[in-house]
N, C-alpha and C. Protein backbone atom coordinates (compact mmCIF):
# COMPACT_ATOMS: atom_id res chain seq x y z
N MET A 1 109.59 98.32 105.31
CA MET A 1 110.31 98.44 104.31
C MET A 1 111.64 97.38 104.50
N VAL A 2 111.14 96.86 105.91
CA VAL A 2 112.02 95.62 106.28
C VAL A 2 111.34 94.64 105.55
N LYS A 3 110.30 94.27 106.05
CA LYS A 3 109.24 93.53 105.52
C LYS A 3 109.71 93.51 103.81
N GLU A 4 109.61 94.20 103.08
CA GLU A 4 109.89 94.20 101.94
C GLU A 4 111.55 93.91 101.39
N LEU A 5 112.48 94.45 102.04
CA LEU A 5 114.15 93.63 101.86
C LEU A 5 114.19 92.47 102.41
N LYS A 6 113.36 91.76 103.13
CA LYS A 6 113.06 90.55 103.55
C LYS A 6 112.45 90.11 102.28
N GLU A 7 111.85 90.34 101.94
CA GLU A 7 111.52 89.68 100.75
C GLU A 7 112.07 89.33 99.36
N LYS A 8 113.47 90.70 98.99
CA LYS A 8 114.08 90.44 98.03
C LYS A 8 114.75 90.02 98.58
N PHE A 9 115.62 89.58 99.56
CA PHE A 9 116.91 88.96 99.88
C PHE A 9 116.19 87.88 99.96
N GLU A 10 115.26 86.97 100.11
CA GLU A 10 114.81 85.88 100.12
C GLU A 10 114.36 85.46 98.48
N LYS A 11 113.94 86.32 97.92
CA LYS A 11 113.84 85.72 96.45
C LYS A 11 114.87 85.25 95.67
N GLY A 12 115.66 86.73 95.93
CA GLY A 12 116.96 86.82 94.74
C GLY A 12 117.80 86.20 94.93
N ARG A 13 117.98 85.65 94.00
CA ARG A 13 119.40 84.29 93.47
C ARG A 13 120.69 84.68 94.16
N MET A 14 120.86 86.38 93.82
CA MET A 14 122.31 86.60 94.12
C MET A 14 121.98 88.30 94.47
N PHE A 15 122.17 89.00 94.64
CA PHE A 15 122.65 90.25 95.68
C PHE A 15 124.46 90.89 95.38
N ILE A 16 124.26 92.22 94.83
CA ILE A 16 125.67 92.94 95.22
C ILE A 16 125.43 93.95 95.42
N ALA A 17 126.05 94.31 96.56
CA ALA A 17 126.19 95.99 97.57
C ALA A 17 127.19 96.31 96.41
N THR A 18 126.71 98.11 96.43
CA THR A 18 127.58 98.57 95.90
C THR A 18 127.11 100.46 96.85
N ASP A 19 128.34 100.83 96.23
CA ASP A 19 128.41 102.28 97.09
C ASP A 19 128.33 103.30 95.69
N PHE A 20 127.49 103.88 95.84
CA PHE A 20 126.36 104.95 94.49
C PHE A 20 127.60 106.60 95.15
N THR A 21 128.14 106.88 96.10
CA THR A 21 128.89 108.13 96.36
C THR A 21 129.31 109.22 95.19
N GLY A 22 128.32 110.26 94.80
CA GLY A 22 129.30 110.79 93.71
C GLY A 22 128.02 110.66 92.41
N MET A 23 127.42 109.89 92.43
CA MET A 23 126.39 109.89 91.06
C MET A 23 125.74 110.19 91.28
N THR A 24 125.27 111.50 89.53
CA THR A 24 124.43 112.08 89.66
C THR A 24 122.83 111.49 89.13
N VAL A 25 121.78 111.91 88.75
CA VAL A 25 120.90 111.45 89.04
C VAL A 25 120.51 111.03 87.61
N PRO A 26 120.83 111.41 86.86
CA PRO A 26 121.07 111.04 85.20
C PRO A 26 122.11 110.18 85.36
N GLU A 27 122.74 109.80 85.88
CA GLU A 27 123.54 108.85 86.15
C GLU A 27 122.79 107.16 86.81
N MET A 28 122.21 107.47 87.46
CA MET A 28 121.88 106.21 88.23
C MET A 28 120.54 106.04 88.29
N ASN A 29 119.60 107.21 87.03
CA ASN A 29 119.07 106.56 86.25
C ASN A 29 119.16 105.75 85.04
N GLU A 30 119.94 105.97 84.16
CA GLU A 30 121.14 104.64 83.35
C GLU A 30 121.04 103.49 84.20
N LEU A 31 121.74 103.79 85.31
CA LEU A 31 122.48 102.29 85.81
C LEU A 31 120.95 101.71 85.91
N ARG A 32 119.92 102.08 86.82
CA ARG A 32 118.27 101.69 86.92
C ARG A 32 117.87 100.89 85.75
N ARG A 33 118.16 101.82 84.23
CA ARG A 33 117.37 101.36 83.26
C ARG A 33 118.50 100.39 82.78
N ALA A 34 119.67 100.60 83.05
CA ALA A 34 120.42 99.05 82.16
C ALA A 34 119.91 97.82 83.13
N LEU A 35 120.07 97.53 84.74
CA LEU A 35 120.13 96.91 85.21
C LEU A 35 118.11 96.32 84.58
N ARG A 36 117.44 96.98 85.06
CA ARG A 36 116.40 96.90 84.01
C ARG A 36 115.81 96.39 83.32
N SER A 37 116.61 96.34 82.37
CA SER A 37 116.77 95.47 80.45
C SER A 37 117.13 94.04 80.96
N VAL A 38 117.89 94.14 82.40
CA VAL A 38 118.40 92.26 82.00
C VAL A 38 117.96 91.41 83.49
N GLY A 39 116.46 92.27 84.07
CA GLY A 39 115.69 91.76 85.14
C GLY A 39 116.32 92.07 86.22
N VAL A 40 117.20 92.73 86.74
CA VAL A 40 117.63 93.24 88.10
C VAL A 40 117.09 94.83 88.96
N GLU A 41 116.57 94.37 89.67
CA GLU A 41 116.11 95.80 90.55
C GLU A 41 117.09 96.25 91.67
N TYR A 42 116.98 97.51 91.32
CA TYR A 42 118.55 98.37 92.27
C TYR A 42 117.76 99.17 93.01
N LYS A 43 118.26 98.97 94.28
CA LYS A 43 117.36 99.56 95.19
C LYS A 43 118.29 100.49 96.42
N VAL A 44 118.40 101.95 96.90
CA VAL A 44 118.86 102.60 97.76
C VAL A 44 118.42 102.12 98.99
N VAL A 45 119.60 101.41 100.31
CA VAL A 45 118.70 101.10 101.19
C VAL A 45 119.39 101.68 102.35
N LYS A 46 118.70 102.30 103.39
CA LYS A 46 119.09 102.05 104.62
C LYS A 46 119.61 101.30 105.45
N ASN A 47 120.86 100.96 105.81
CA ASN A 47 122.05 100.12 106.30
C ASN A 47 121.40 99.60 107.29
N THR A 48 120.34 99.87 108.26
CA THR A 48 120.31 99.25 109.53
C THR A 48 119.21 98.40 109.39
N LEU A 49 118.08 98.98 108.56
CA LEU A 49 117.39 98.16 107.76
C LEU A 49 117.40 96.82 106.91
N ALA A 50 118.45 96.89 106.48
CA ALA A 50 119.11 96.01 105.53
C ALA A 50 119.25 95.09 106.38
N LYS A 51 120.21 95.62 107.15
CA LYS A 51 120.74 94.58 108.14
C LYS A 51 120.13 93.52 109.03
N ILE A 52 118.99 94.15 109.52
CA ILE A 52 117.86 93.41 109.94
C ILE A 52 117.14 92.58 109.47
N ALA A 53 117.25 92.60 107.88
CA ALA A 53 116.52 91.70 107.17
C ALA A 53 117.41 90.99 106.67
N LEU A 54 118.52 91.31 106.40
CA LEU A 54 119.44 89.98 106.13
C LEU A 54 119.88 89.06 107.68
N LYS A 55 119.52 89.88 108.92
CA LYS A 55 119.38 88.59 109.89
C LYS A 55 117.94 88.22 109.86
N GLU A 56 116.69 88.58 109.37
CA GLU A 56 115.53 87.69 109.56
C GLU A 56 115.48 87.03 108.78
N VAL A 57 116.49 87.05 107.72
CA VAL A 57 116.25 85.67 106.78
C VAL A 57 117.64 84.75 106.55
N GLY A 58 118.30 84.71 107.49
CA GLY A 58 119.35 83.99 108.03
C GLY A 58 120.85 83.81 107.19
N LYS A 59 121.04 85.59 106.57
CA LYS A 59 122.25 85.90 105.59
C LYS A 59 123.12 86.88 106.41
N GLU A 60 123.03 86.85 107.67
CA GLU A 60 123.70 88.27 108.39
C GLU A 60 124.89 87.89 108.06
N LYS A 61 125.50 87.23 107.43
CA LYS A 61 127.25 87.19 107.22
C LYS A 61 127.56 88.22 106.11
N ALA A 62 126.25 88.18 105.27
CA ALA A 62 126.70 89.46 104.26
C ALA A 62 126.63 90.83 105.02
N SER A 63 126.30 91.14 105.94
CA SER A 63 126.21 91.99 106.87
C SER A 63 127.25 93.13 106.83
N PRO A 64 128.74 92.61 106.45
CA PRO A 64 129.91 94.00 106.21
C PRO A 64 129.62 94.36 104.84
N LEU A 65 128.76 93.96 104.24
CA LEU A 65 128.92 94.33 102.65
C LEU A 65 128.13 95.73 102.97
N ILE A 66 126.92 96.20 104.01
CA ILE A 66 126.27 97.17 103.77
C ILE A 66 126.99 98.21 104.91
N GLU A 67 127.49 98.94 104.35
CA GLU A 67 128.70 100.02 105.41
C GLU A 67 128.73 101.28 104.49
N GLY A 68 128.04 102.29 104.86
CA GLY A 68 128.13 103.04 104.11
C GLY A 68 127.04 103.96 103.00
N PRO A 69 127.06 104.96 102.42
CA PRO A 69 125.97 104.80 100.91
C PRO A 69 126.11 103.45 100.34
N THR A 70 124.70 102.80 100.76
CA THR A 70 124.80 101.75 99.74
C THR A 70 123.45 101.27 98.73
N GLY A 71 123.93 100.80 97.75
CA GLY A 71 122.54 100.38 96.96
C GLY A 71 122.85 99.15 96.42
N ILE A 72 122.39 98.73 96.21
CA ILE A 72 121.85 96.76 96.24
C ILE A 72 121.04 96.25 95.21
N ALA A 73 121.69 95.71 94.25
CA ALA A 73 121.18 94.99 92.87
C ALA A 73 120.48 93.65 93.50
N PHE A 74 119.75 93.56 92.80
CA PHE A 74 119.16 91.86 93.33
C PHE A 74 118.60 91.22 92.13
N SER A 75 119.18 90.20 91.78
CA SER A 75 118.70 89.27 90.78
C SER A 75 118.03 88.40 90.82
N TYR A 76 117.06 88.21 90.12
CA TYR A 76 115.69 86.84 90.99
C TYR A 76 116.21 85.97 89.32
N ASP A 77 117.22 86.29 88.63
CA ASP A 77 116.87 85.30 87.66
C ASP A 77 118.37 85.10 86.62
N ASP A 78 118.56 86.62 85.89
CA ASP A 78 119.80 86.12 85.32
C ASP A 78 120.78 87.03 86.09
N VAL A 79 121.48 86.28 86.75
CA VAL A 79 122.91 86.79 87.43
C VAL A 79 123.71 87.28 86.66
N MET A 80 124.50 86.47 85.37
CA MET A 80 125.46 87.08 84.69
C MET A 80 125.20 88.51 83.82
N GLY A 81 124.09 88.67 83.60
CA GLY A 81 123.12 90.21 83.17
C GLY A 81 123.53 91.11 84.66
N MET A 82 123.51 90.70 85.84
CA MET A 82 123.58 91.58 86.30
C MET A 82 124.92 91.64 86.73
N VAL A 83 125.95 90.69 86.85
CA VAL A 83 127.23 91.23 87.25
C VAL A 83 127.77 91.58 86.22
N LYS A 84 127.97 91.54 85.15
CA LYS A 84 128.64 91.76 83.65
C LYS A 84 127.63 93.74 83.59
N THR A 85 126.88 93.78 83.75
CA THR A 85 126.11 95.26 83.73
C THR A 85 127.26 96.00 85.11
N LEU A 86 126.79 95.58 85.68
CA LEU A 86 127.71 96.59 87.41
C LEU A 86 128.89 96.75 87.14
N VAL A 87 129.65 95.44 86.63
CA VAL A 87 131.22 95.79 86.21
C VAL A 87 131.96 96.72 85.54
N GLU A 88 130.33 96.84 84.35
CA GLU A 88 130.73 97.55 82.80
C GLU A 88 130.65 99.20 83.29
N PHE A 89 129.41 99.31 84.35
CA PHE A 89 129.31 100.14 85.22
C PHE A 89 130.43 101.06 85.62
N GLU A 90 131.18 100.37 86.37
CA GLU A 90 132.45 100.53 87.18
C GLU A 90 133.23 101.04 86.75
N SER A 91 133.26 99.91 85.70
CA SER A 91 134.69 100.66 84.91
C SER A 91 134.76 101.62 83.38
N LYS A 92 133.62 101.96 83.78
CA LYS A 92 133.19 103.55 82.92
C LYS A 92 133.39 104.52 83.88
N GLU A 93 132.89 105.68 83.33
CA GLU A 93 133.58 106.95 84.21
C GLU A 93 132.89 107.13 85.30
N PHE A 94 131.84 106.28 85.53
CA PHE A 94 130.68 106.51 86.63
C PHE A 94 131.55 106.21 87.82
N PRO A 95 130.85 107.04 88.67
CA PRO A 95 131.64 106.66 90.30
C PRO A 95 130.52 105.53 91.22
N LEU A 96 130.50 104.45 90.73
CA LEU A 96 130.21 103.44 91.26
C LEU A 96 130.98 102.62 91.81
N LYS A 97 131.19 101.84 92.28
CA LYS A 97 131.98 101.28 93.16
C LYS A 97 131.22 100.19 93.63
N ILE A 98 132.08 98.89 93.03
CA ILE A 98 131.35 97.55 93.92
C ILE A 98 131.98 97.23 95.07
N LYS A 99 130.99 96.71 96.54
CA LYS A 99 131.60 96.57 97.40
C LYS A 99 131.41 95.00 97.24
N GLY A 100 131.18 94.50 97.39
CA GLY A 100 130.89 92.70 97.04
C GLY A 100 129.54 92.15 96.91
N GLY A 101 129.08 91.21 96.86
CA GLY A 101 127.84 90.05 96.49
C GLY A 101 127.77 88.93 97.69
N PHE A 102 126.47 88.24 97.18
CA PHE A 102 126.40 87.11 98.70
C PHE A 102 126.03 85.98 97.30
N PHE A 103 125.81 85.53 97.17
CA PHE A 103 125.79 84.09 96.22
C PHE A 103 125.35 82.84 96.46
N GLU A 104 124.51 82.28 97.03
CA GLU A 104 124.04 80.68 97.28
C GLU A 104 125.09 80.37 98.26
N GLY A 105 124.89 81.48 99.38
CA GLY A 105 125.28 81.72 100.90
C GLY A 105 127.16 81.70 101.29
N ARG A 106 127.57 82.41 100.29
CA ARG A 106 129.19 83.06 99.78
C ARG A 106 128.94 84.57 99.80
N ILE A 107 130.05 85.01 100.43
CA ILE A 107 129.97 86.37 100.09
C ILE A 107 131.00 86.50 99.13
N LEU A 108 130.87 87.31 98.24
CA LEU A 108 131.64 87.28 96.81
C LEU A 108 132.76 88.68 96.44
N SER A 109 133.71 88.75 97.18
CA SER A 109 134.07 90.31 96.54
C SER A 109 134.58 90.90 95.31
N GLU A 110 134.57 92.13 95.49
CA GLU A 110 134.61 92.29 94.27
C GLU A 110 135.55 91.68 93.00
N GLU A 111 136.62 91.43 93.37
CA GLU A 111 137.32 90.48 92.17
C GLU A 111 137.32 88.90 92.60
N ASP A 112 135.80 89.14 93.01
CA ASP A 112 135.03 87.45 92.61
C ASP A 112 134.61 87.97 91.40
N ILE A 113 133.44 88.94 91.83
CA ILE A 113 132.41 89.13 90.71
C ILE A 113 133.01 89.75 89.49
N LYS A 114 134.17 90.77 89.04
CA LYS A 114 135.18 90.97 88.28
C LYS A 114 135.41 89.58 87.15
N THR A 115 135.93 88.98 87.78
CA THR A 115 136.05 86.92 87.62
C THR A 115 134.80 86.42 87.20
N LEU A 116 133.97 86.88 87.68
CA LEU A 116 132.85 86.07 87.11
C LEU A 116 132.28 86.75 85.94
N SER A 117 132.28 88.02 85.57
CA SER A 117 131.58 88.76 84.91
C SER A 117 132.69 88.54 83.37
N LYS A 118 133.99 88.05 83.95
CA LYS A 118 134.70 87.42 82.29
C LYS A 118 134.16 85.78 81.76
N LEU A 119 133.47 85.29 82.44
CA LEU A 119 132.46 84.39 82.39
C LEU A 119 132.16 84.46 80.31
N PRO A 120 131.95 83.46 79.75
CA PRO A 120 131.36 83.55 78.75
C PRO A 120 129.62 83.31 79.18
N PRO A 121 128.71 83.90 78.42
CA PRO A 121 127.40 83.43 78.09
C PRO A 121 126.89 82.15 79.05
N ARG A 122 125.73 81.80 79.20
CA ARG A 122 125.58 80.84 79.87
C ARG A 122 125.18 79.62 78.67
N GLU A 123 124.40 80.17 77.61
CA GLU A 123 124.22 79.19 76.79
C GLU A 123 125.69 79.04 75.95
N GLU A 124 126.71 79.54 75.66
CA GLU A 124 127.62 79.30 75.29
C GLU A 124 128.61 78.18 76.42
N LEU A 125 128.57 78.49 77.34
CA LEU A 125 128.40 77.39 78.54
C LEU A 125 128.19 75.97 77.84
N ILE A 126 126.79 76.12 78.00
CA ILE A 126 126.36 75.16 77.45
C ILE A 126 126.57 74.16 76.52
N SER A 127 126.87 75.09 75.44
CA SER A 127 127.27 74.37 74.33
C SER A 127 129.00 73.39 74.62
N LYS A 128 129.46 74.40 75.05
CA LYS A 128 130.65 73.82 74.83
C LYS A 128 130.88 72.41 75.99
N ALA A 129 129.71 72.31 76.97
CA ALA A 129 129.43 71.23 77.92
C ALA A 129 128.72 69.89 76.73
N ILE A 130 128.41 70.58 75.67
CA ILE A 130 127.74 69.52 75.13
C ILE A 130 128.68 69.13 74.23
N GLY A 131 129.66 69.68 73.61
CA GLY A 131 130.93 69.30 72.56
C GLY A 131 131.55 68.21 72.98
N CYS A 132 132.05 69.10 74.79
CA CYS A 132 132.85 67.66 75.10
C CYS A 132 132.00 66.50 75.58
N VAL A 133 131.26 66.41 75.97
CA VAL A 133 130.37 64.95 75.51
C VAL A 133 130.42 64.38 74.70
N LYS A 134 130.16 65.32 73.27
CA LYS A 134 130.12 64.44 72.14
C LYS A 134 131.02 64.30 71.55
N ALA A 135 132.26 65.26 71.63
CA ALA A 135 133.24 64.68 71.38
C ALA A 135 133.92 63.02 71.05
N PRO A 136 134.30 62.50 72.45
CA PRO A 136 134.52 61.61 72.92
C PRO A 136 133.67 60.50 72.14
N MET A 137 132.68 60.45 71.95
CA MET A 137 131.24 59.58 71.39
C MET A 137 131.15 59.38 69.52
N TYR A 138 131.89 60.52 69.40
CA TYR A 138 132.10 61.06 68.13
C TYR A 138 133.00 60.37 67.29
N ASN A 139 134.14 60.46 68.20
CA ASN A 139 135.49 59.82 68.06
C ASN A 139 135.66 58.08 68.48
N LEU A 140 134.91 57.64 68.86
CA LEU A 140 134.25 56.36 69.48
C LEU A 140 133.82 55.83 67.56
N VAL A 141 132.55 56.40 67.37
CA VAL A 141 131.95 56.15 66.40
C VAL A 141 132.91 55.93 65.49
N ALA A 142 133.83 56.88 64.59
CA ALA A 142 134.89 56.80 63.85
C ALA A 142 135.76 55.58 63.96
N THR A 143 136.17 55.89 64.89
CA THR A 143 137.20 54.45 65.33
C THR A 143 136.69 53.27 65.03
N LEU A 144 135.40 52.98 65.20
CA LEU A 144 134.75 51.45 64.93
C LEU A 144 134.48 51.66 63.41
N SER A 145 133.97 52.37 63.07
CA SER A 145 133.55 52.55 62.00
C SER A 145 134.37 52.29 60.57
N ALA A 146 135.81 52.32 61.00
CA ALA A 146 137.38 53.14 60.22
C ALA A 146 137.34 51.74 59.86
N PRO A 147 137.59 50.20 60.03
CA PRO A 147 138.31 49.25 59.57
C PRO A 147 136.93 48.77 58.38
N LEU A 148 135.51 49.28 58.51
CA LEU A 148 134.91 48.03 57.70
C LEU A 148 134.99 49.65 56.64
N ARG A 149 135.00 50.62 56.43
CA ARG A 149 135.12 51.78 55.32
C ARG A 149 136.52 51.32 54.73
N ASN A 150 137.69 51.15 55.50
CA ASN A 150 138.65 50.89 55.01
C ASN A 150 138.94 49.71 53.94
N LEU A 151 137.75 48.85 54.52
CA LEU A 151 137.45 47.45 53.78
C LEU A 151 136.87 47.40 52.32
N ILE A 152 136.09 48.51 52.61
CA ILE A 152 135.00 49.06 51.69
C ILE A 152 135.96 49.81 50.64
N PHE A 153 137.11 50.61 50.61
CA PHE A 153 137.76 51.05 50.17
C PHE A 153 138.65 50.31 49.15
N ILE A 154 139.23 49.14 50.39
CA ILE A 154 140.44 48.11 49.38
C ILE A 154 139.44 47.13 48.43
N LEU A 155 138.41 46.62 48.74
CA LEU A 155 137.60 46.30 47.74
C LEU A 155 137.07 47.16 46.31
N SER A 156 137.05 48.48 46.93
CA SER A 156 136.47 49.16 45.71
C SER A 156 137.69 49.22 45.14
N GLU A 157 138.86 49.10 45.31
CA GLU A 157 139.42 49.57 44.33
C GLU A 157 140.55 48.32 43.44
N ARG A 158 140.55 46.72 44.45
CA ARG A 158 140.96 45.77 43.82
C ARG A 158 139.76 45.32 42.94
N GLU A 159 138.37 45.92 43.43
CA GLU A 159 137.28 45.66 41.78
C GLU A 159 137.86 46.77 40.79
N LYS A 160 138.52 47.56 40.70
CA LYS A 160 138.49 48.70 39.67
C LYS A 160 139.73 48.07 38.85
N SER A 161 140.82 47.46 39.85
CA SER A 161 141.99 46.94 39.38
C SER A 161 141.78 45.99 38.28
N MET A 162 141.06 44.88 38.80
CA MET A 162 140.54 43.86 38.23
C MET A 162 139.81 44.28 36.65
N ARG A 163 139.06 45.09 36.44
CA ARG A 163 138.26 45.67 35.31
C ARG A 163 139.07 46.37 34.51
N ARG A 164 140.14 46.50 34.78
CA ARG A 164 141.28 46.97 34.17
C ARG A 164 141.98 46.40 32.86
């Protein structure tokens, strides 16, 4: 079990610890199904084994997240999908409680995770970044071509007035 957890902690880009106290089996199945749809694995763990695995992979500073009944969501790819799904389940009538998470060497609080869930999707952020890079170049081209456009307009107006 420790070996399996070590692999998950090493391979995962992010993990979020939750308290599932009070959840029924159908609710737990619904949570797992929703997480699986975004490529996330949810595992109920024994705290002692999880702490041993964290220590062995050098992430022992995340050990305080592993207290009481703990279920851990492991994201191997789509971090935002996991964050949004867990926050959505916590905000519903489910008795799920986010304890915190671990991402790129940092412990994230429940508030950090809720803030992350409000970010727009990755594709939207990329398109906004491209728009920010593209806008100054577009403005430069428009500014540089304006005198030529104005000259052509003046010449064409002058030609029209000479024909009359």
